[in-house]
Amino acid sequence: FIFLSSLGLIGILLFLLKRIFYHY
């Protein structure tokens, strides 16, 4: 459960990173 939550957090952070820097 801890690592699954970590993977979810990683996915959210990478998604936000891609969304923020996509246009640039």
PDB file of all heavy atoms in Angstrom:
ATOM      1  N   PHE A   1       0.836  -1.205   0.000  1.00  0.00           N
ATOM      2  CA  PHE A   1       0.000   0.000   0.000  1.00  0.00           C
ATOM      3  C   PHE A   1       0.871   1.256   0.000  1.00  0.00           C
ATOM      4  O   PHE A   1       0.573   2.239  -0.705  1.00  0.00           O
ATOM      5  CB  PHE A   1      -0.922   0.001   1.222  1.00  0.00           C
ATOM      6  CG  PHE A   1      -1.750   1.245   1.362  1.00  0.00           C
ATOM      7  CD1 PHE A   1      -2.863   1.453   0.552  1.00  0.00           C
ATOM      8  CD2 PHE A   1      -1.409   2.221   2.285  1.00  0.00           C
ATOM      9  CE1 PHE A   1      -3.617   2.610   0.666  1.00  0.00           C
ATOM     10  CE2 PHE A   1      -2.157   3.375   2.411  1.00  0.00           C
ATOM     11  CZ  PHE A   1      -3.264   3.564   1.598  1.00  0.00           C
ATOM     12  N   ILE A   2       1.981   1.237   0.773  1.00  0.00           N
ATOM     13  CA  ILE A   2       2.873   2.396   0.823  1.00  0.00           C
ATOM     14  C   ILE A   2       3.490   2.654  -0.549  1.00  0.00           C
ATOM     15  O   ILE A   2       3.504   3.782  -1.049  1.00  0.00           O
ATOM     16  CB  ILE A   2       3.962   2.177   1.894  1.00  0.00           C
ATOM     17  CG1 ILE A   2       3.336   2.213   3.290  1.00  0.00           C
ATOM     18  CG2 ILE A   2       5.062   3.234   1.766  1.00  0.00           C
ATOM     19  CD1 ILE A   2       4.285   1.834   4.394  1.00  0.00           C
ATOM     20  N   PHE A   3       4.014   1.577  -1.186  1.00  0.00           N
ATOM     21  CA  PHE A   3       4.656   1.762  -2.484  1.00  0.00           C
ATOM     22  C   PHE A   3       3.629   2.067  -3.573  1.00  0.00           C
ATOM     23  O   PHE A   3       3.928   2.802  -4.523  1.00  0.00           O
ATOM     24  CB  PHE A   3       5.474   0.525  -2.857  1.00  0.00           C
ATOM     25  CG  PHE A   3       6.814   0.483  -2.204  1.00  0.00           C
ATOM     26  CD1 PHE A   3       7.035  -0.228  -1.041  1.00  0.00           C
ATOM     27  CD2 PHE A   3       7.869   1.200  -2.746  1.00  0.00           C
ATOM     28  CE1 PHE A   3       8.278  -0.250  -0.431  1.00  0.00           C
ATOM     29  CE2 PHE A   3       9.128   1.187  -2.151  1.00  0.00           C
ATOM     30  CZ  PHE A   3       9.331   0.456  -0.982  1.00  0.00           C
ATOM     31  N   LEU A   4       2.420   1.505  -3.444  1.00  0.00           N
ATOM     32  CA  LEU A   4       1.371   1.847  -4.406  1.00  0.00           C
ATOM     33  C   LEU A   4       1.004   3.320  -4.297  1.00  0.00           C
ATOM     34  O   LEU A   4       0.832   4.018  -5.313  1.00  0.00           O
ATOM     35  CB  LEU A   4       0.143   0.965  -4.171  1.00  0.00           C
ATOM     36  CG  LEU A   4      -1.019   1.146  -5.164  1.00  0.00           C
ATOM     37  CD1 LEU A   4      -0.565   0.746  -6.573  1.00  0.00           C
ATOM     38  CD2 LEU A   4      -2.219   0.318  -4.743  1.00  0.00           C
ATOM     39  N   SER A   5       0.920   3.814  -3.064  1.00  0.00           N
ATOM     40  CA  SER A   5       0.650   5.241  -2.869  1.00  0.00           C
ATOM     41  C   SER A   5       1.789   6.085  -3.420  1.00  0.00           C
ATOM     42  O   SER A   5       1.570   7.146  -4.005  1.00  0.00           O
ATOM     43  CB  SER A   5       0.448   5.531  -1.381  1.00  0.00           C
ATOM     44  OG  SER A   5      -0.624   4.759  -0.848  1.00  0.00           O
ATOM     45  N   SER A   6       3.036   5.575  -3.244  1.00  0.00           N
ATOM     46  CA  SER A   6       4.199   6.299  -3.770  1.00  0.00           C
ATOM     47  C   SER A   6       4.150   6.361  -5.290  1.00  0.00           C
ATOM     48  O   SER A   6       4.441   7.407  -5.891  1.00  0.00           O
ATOM     49  CB  SER A   6       5.489   5.622  -3.310  1.00  0.00           C
ATOM     50  OG  SER A   6       5.566   5.588  -1.899  1.00  0.00           O
ATOM     51  N   LEU A   7       3.794   5.239  -5.915  1.00  0.00           N
ATOM     52  CA  LEU A   7       3.685   5.237  -7.381  1.00  0.00           C
ATOM     53  C   LEU A   7       2.597   6.198  -7.849  1.00  0.00           C
ATOM     54  O   LEU A   7       2.746   6.884  -8.863  1.00  0.00           O
ATOM     55  CB  LEU A   7       3.399   3.821  -7.874  1.00  0.00           C
ATOM     56  CG  LEU A   7       4.533   2.805  -7.705  1.00  0.00           C
ATOM     57  CD1 LEU A   7       4.081   1.418  -8.168  1.00  0.00           C
ATOM     58  CD2 LEU A   7       5.762   3.239  -8.495  1.00  0.00           C
ATOM     59  N   GLY A   8       1.485   6.230  -7.101  1.00  0.00           N
ATOM     60  CA  GLY A   8       0.432   7.184  -7.452  1.00  0.00           C
ATOM     61  C   GLY A   8       0.920   8.619  -7.338  1.00  0.00           C
ATOM     62  O   GLY A   8       0.627   9.467  -8.189  1.00  0.00           O
ATOM     63  N   LEU A   9       1.684   8.898  -6.267  1.00  0.00           N
ATOM     64  CA  LEU A   9       2.233  10.239  -6.082  1.00  0.00           C
ATOM     65  C   LEU A   9       3.222  10.572  -7.197  1.00  0.00           C
ATOM     66  O   LEU A   9       3.229  11.698  -7.729  1.00  0.00           O
ATOM     67  CB  LEU A   9       2.922  10.330  -4.720  1.00  0.00           C
ATOM     68  CG  LEU A   9       3.582  11.672  -4.380  1.00  0.00           C
ATOM     69  CD1 LEU A   9       2.553  12.792  -4.379  1.00  0.00           C
ATOM     70  CD2 LEU A   9       4.288  11.586  -3.027  1.00  0.00           C
ATOM     71  N   ILE A  10       4.051   9.571  -7.582  1.00  0.00           N
ATOM     72  CA  ILE A  10       4.999   9.787  -8.680  1.00  0.00           C
ATOM     73  C   ILE A  10       4.245  10.096  -9.967  1.00  0.00           C
ATOM     74  O   ILE A  10       4.612  11.010 -10.722  1.00  0.00           O
ATOM     75  CB  ILE A  10       5.894   8.544  -8.858  1.00  0.00           C
ATOM     76  CG1 ILE A  10       6.869   8.420  -7.688  1.00  0.00           C
ATOM     77  CG2 ILE A  10       6.673   8.610 -10.172  1.00  0.00           C
ATOM     78  CD1 ILE A  10       7.663   7.125  -7.689  1.00  0.00           C
ATOM     79  N   GLY A  11       3.186   9.320 -10.232  1.00  0.00           N
ATOM     80  CA  GLY A  11       2.393   9.556 -11.439  1.00  0.00           C
ATOM     81  C   GLY A  11       1.789  10.950 -11.465  1.00  0.00           C
ATOM     82  O   GLY A  11       1.809  11.638 -12.493  1.00  0.00           O
ATOM     83  N   ILE A  12       1.269  11.402 -10.305  1.00  0.00           N
ATOM     84  CA  ILE A  12       0.667  12.731 -10.243  1.00  0.00           C
ATOM     85  C   ILE A  12       1.715  13.822 -10.478  1.00  0.00           C
ATOM     86  O   ILE A  12       1.491  14.779 -11.235  1.00  0.00           O
ATOM     87  CB  ILE A  12      -0.024  12.932  -8.879  1.00  0.00           C
ATOM     88  CG1 ILE A  12      -1.242  11.988  -8.757  1.00  0.00           C
ATOM     89  CG2 ILE A  12      -0.455  14.379  -8.691  1.00  0.00           C
ATOM     90  CD1 ILE A  12      -1.886  11.994  -7.396  1.00  0.00           C
ATOM     91  N   LEU A  13       2.883  13.664  -9.838  1.00  0.00           N
ATOM     92  CA  LEU A  13       3.941  14.669  -9.993  1.00  0.00           C
ATOM     93  C   LEU A  13       4.446  14.732 -11.432  1.00  0.00           C
ATOM     94  O   LEU A  13       4.666  15.823 -11.984  1.00  0.00           O
ATOM     95  CB  LEU A  13       5.100  14.358  -9.047  1.00  0.00           C
ATOM     96  CG  LEU A  13       4.814  14.557  -7.541  1.00  0.00           C
ATOM     97  CD1 LEU A  13       6.016  14.148  -6.720  1.00  0.00           C
ATOM     98  CD2 LEU A  13       4.437  16.010  -7.254  1.00  0.00           C
ATOM     99  N   LEU A  14       4.642  13.537 -12.048  1.00  0.00           N
ATOM    100  CA  LEU A  14       5.116  13.533 -13.434  1.00  0.00           C
ATOM    101  C   LEU A  14       4.064  14.110 -14.374  1.00  0.00           C
ATOM    102  O   LEU A  14       4.395  14.808 -15.349  1.00  0.00           O
ATOM    103  CB  LEU A  14       5.488  12.111 -13.851  1.00  0.00           C
ATOM    104  CG  LEU A  14       6.694  11.493 -13.130  1.00  0.00           C
ATOM    105  CD1 LEU A  14       6.961  10.088 -13.663  1.00  0.00           C
ATOM    106  CD2 LEU A  14       7.929  12.361 -13.307  1.00  0.00           C
ATOM    107  N   PHE A  15       2.782  13.821 -14.091  1.00  0.00           N
ATOM    108  CA  PHE A  15       1.711  14.379 -14.917  1.00  0.00           C
ATOM    109  C   PHE A  15       1.682  15.903 -14.805  1.00  0.00           C
ATOM    110  O   PHE A  15       1.565  16.611 -15.819  1.00  0.00           O
ATOM    111  CB  PHE A  15       0.368  13.788 -14.486  1.00  0.00           C
ATOM    112  CG  PHE A  15      -0.812  14.394 -15.195  1.00  0.00           C
ATOM    113  CD1 PHE A  15      -1.107  14.043 -16.501  1.00  0.00           C
ATOM    114  CD2 PHE A  15      -1.618  15.318 -14.550  1.00  0.00           C
ATOM    115  CE1 PHE A  15      -2.186  14.612 -17.160  1.00  0.00           C
ATOM    116  CE2 PHE A  15      -2.701  15.884 -15.190  1.00  0.00           C
ATOM    117  CZ  PHE A  15      -2.985  15.530 -16.504  1.00  0.00           C
ATOM    118  N   LEU A  16       1.785  16.414 -13.559  1.00  0.00           N
ATOM    119  CA  LEU A  16       1.796  17.861 -13.378  1.00  0.00           C
ATOM    120  C   LEU A  16       3.022  18.485 -14.037  1.00  0.00           C
ATOM    121  O   LEU A  16       2.938  19.572 -14.631  1.00  0.00           O
ATOM    122  CB  LEU A  16       1.774  18.184 -11.877  1.00  0.00           C
ATOM    123  CG  LEU A  16       0.487  17.823 -11.135  1.00  0.00           C
ATOM    124  CD1 LEU A  16       0.631  18.110  -9.653  1.00  0.00           C
ATOM    125  CD2 LEU A  16      -0.708  18.587 -11.698  1.00  0.00           C
ATOM    126  N   LEU A  17       4.170  17.783 -13.934  1.00  0.00           N
ATOM    127  CA  LEU A  17       5.387  18.292 -14.573  1.00  0.00           C
ATOM    128  C   LEU A  17       5.215  18.397 -16.082  1.00  0.00           C
ATOM    129  O   LEU A  17       5.594  19.400 -16.704  1.00  0.00           O
ATOM    130  CB  LEU A  17       6.554  17.364 -14.232  1.00  0.00           C
ATOM    131  CG  LEU A  17       7.920  17.735 -14.828  1.00  0.00           C
ATOM    132  CD1 LEU A  17       8.417  19.028 -14.226  1.00  0.00           C
ATOM    133  CD2 LEU A  17       8.917  16.611 -14.582  1.00  0.00           C
ATOM    134  N   LYS A  18       4.625  17.362 -16.660  1.00  0.00           N
ATOM    135  CA  LYS A  18       4.411  17.377 -18.108  1.00  0.00           C
ATOM    136  C   LYS A  18       3.418  18.461 -18.508  1.00  0.00           C
ATOM    137  O   LYS A  18       3.612  19.153 -19.519  1.00  0.00           O
ATOM    138  CB  LYS A  18       3.917  16.006 -18.559  1.00  0.00           C
ATOM    139  CG  LYS A  18       3.746  15.893 -20.071  1.00  0.00           C
ATOM    140  CD  LYS A  18       3.345  14.488 -20.467  1.00  0.00           C
ATOM    141  CE  LYS A  18       3.183  14.383 -21.990  1.00  0.00           C
ATOM    142  NZ  LYS A  18       2.776  13.027 -22.408  1.00  0.00           N
ATOM    143  N   ARG A  19       2.354  18.617 -17.710  1.00  0.00           N
ATOM    144  CA  ARG A  19       1.353  19.637 -18.029  1.00  0.00           C
ATOM    145  C   ARG A  19       1.940  21.047 -17.920  1.00  0.00           C
ATOM    146  O   ARG A  19       1.655  21.921 -18.752  1.00  0.00           O
ATOM    147  CB  ARG A  19       0.157  19.509 -17.085  1.00  0.00           C
ATOM    148  CG  ARG A  19      -0.667  18.259 -17.311  1.00  0.00           C
ATOM    149  CD  ARG A  19      -1.488  18.329 -18.574  1.00  0.00           C
ATOM    150  NE  ARG A  19      -2.446  19.415 -18.538  1.00  0.00           N
ATOM    151  CZ  ARG A  19      -3.200  19.773 -19.562  1.00  0.00           C
ATOM    152  NH1 ARG A  19      -3.096  19.122 -20.712  1.00  0.00           N
ATOM    153  NH2 ARG A  19      -4.056  20.768 -19.455  1.00  0.00           N
ATOM    154  N   ILE A  20       2.773  21.265 -16.902  1.00  0.00           N
ATOM    155  CA  ILE A  20       3.325  22.600 -16.685  1.00  0.00           C
ATOM    156  C   ILE A  20       4.305  22.975 -17.786  1.00  0.00           C
ATOM    157  O   ILE A  20       4.300  24.103 -18.300  1.00  0.00           O
ATOM    158  CB  ILE A  20       4.002  22.664 -15.296  1.00  0.00           C
ATOM    159  CG1 ILE A  20       2.926  22.543 -14.186  1.00  0.00           C
ATOM    160  CG2 ILE A  20       4.785  23.960 -15.136  1.00  0.00           C
ATOM    161  CD1 ILE A  20       3.499  22.404 -12.805  1.00  0.00           C
ATOM    162  N   PHE A  21       5.170  22.029 -18.174  1.00  0.00           N
ATOM    163  CA  PHE A  21       6.225  22.328 -19.139  1.00  0.00           C
ATOM    164  C   PHE A  21       5.881  21.914 -20.557  1.00  0.00           C
ATOM    165  O   PHE A  21       6.738  22.005 -21.439  1.00  0.00           O
ATOM    166  CB  PHE A  21       7.524  21.627 -18.718  1.00  0.00           C
ATOM    167  CG  PHE A  21       8.181  22.256 -17.517  1.00  0.00           C
ATOM    168  CD1 PHE A  21       7.919  21.780 -16.241  1.00  0.00           C
ATOM    169  CD2 PHE A  21       9.030  23.330 -17.674  1.00  0.00           C
ATOM    170  CE1 PHE A  21       8.529  22.349 -15.141  1.00  0.00           C
ATOM    171  CE2 PHE A  21       9.647  23.910 -16.568  1.00  0.00           C
ATOM    172  CZ  PHE A  21       9.388  23.421 -15.292  1.00  0.00           C
ATOM    173  N   TYR A  22       4.654  21.433 -20.778  1.00  0.00           N
ATOM    174  CA  TYR A  22       4.317  20.923 -22.112  1.00  0.00           C
ATOM    175  C   TYR A  22       4.441  22.004 -23.179  1.00  0.00           C
ATOM    176  O   TYR A  22       5.120  21.821 -24.202  1.00  0.00           O
ATOM    177  CB  TYR A  22       2.907  20.339 -22.114  1.00  0.00           C
ATOM    178  CG  TYR A  22       2.426  19.954 -23.491  1.00  0.00           C
ATOM    179  CD1 TYR A  22       2.881  18.796 -24.113  1.00  0.00           C
ATOM    180  CD2 TYR A  22       1.521  20.769 -24.182  1.00  0.00           C
ATOM    181  CE1 TYR A  22       2.464  18.454 -25.374  1.00  0.00           C
ATOM    182  CE2 TYR A  22       1.100  20.430 -25.450  1.00  0.00           C
ATOM    183  CZ  TYR A  22       1.567  19.271 -26.037  1.00  0.00           C
ATOM    184  OH  TYR A  22       1.149  18.933 -27.297  1.00  0.00           O
ATOM    185  N   HIS A  23       3.786  23.143 -22.946  1.00  0.00           N
ATOM    186  CA  HIS A  23       3.790  24.202 -23.963  1.00  0.00           C
ATOM    187  C   HIS A  23       5.192  24.765 -24.173  1.00  0.00           C
ATOM    188  O   HIS A  23       5.607  25.028 -25.306  1.00  0.00           O
ATOM    189  CB  HIS A  23       2.821  25.317 -23.558  1.00  0.00           C
ATOM    190  CG  HIS A  23       1.382  24.887 -23.564  1.00  0.00           C
ATOM    191  ND1 HIS A  23       0.713  24.568 -24.724  1.00  0.00           N
ATOM    192  CD2 HIS A  23       0.492  24.686 -22.554  1.00  0.00           C
ATOM    193  CE1 HIS A  23      -0.523  24.202 -24.435  1.00  0.00           C
ATOM    194  NE2 HIS A  23      -0.679  24.265 -23.129  1.00  0.00           N
ATOM    195  N   TYR A  24       5.922  24.948 -23.071  1.00  0.00           N
ATOM    196  CA  TYR A  24       7.292  25.462 -23.203  1.00  0.00           C
ATOM    197  C   TYR A  24       8.152  24.482 -23.986  1.00  0.00           C
ATOM    198  O   TYR A  24       8.894  24.873 -24.898  1.00  0.00           O
ATOM    199  CB  TYR A  24       7.873  25.689 -21.812  1.00  0.00           C
ATOM    200  CG  TYR A  24       9.201  26.427 -21.835  1.00  0.00           C
ATOM    201  CD1 TYR A  24       9.246  27.816 -21.802  1.00  0.00           C
ATOM    202  CD2 TYR A  24      10.398  25.727 -21.888  1.00  0.00           C
ATOM    203  CE1 TYR A  24      10.450  28.496 -21.834  1.00  0.00           C
ATOM    204  CE2 TYR A  24      11.612  26.396 -21.922  1.00  0.00           C
ATOM    205  CZ  TYR A  24      11.633  27.771 -21.891  1.00  0.00           C
ATOM    206  OH  TYR A  24      12.825  28.435 -21.925  1.00  0.00           O
TER     207      TYR A  24
END
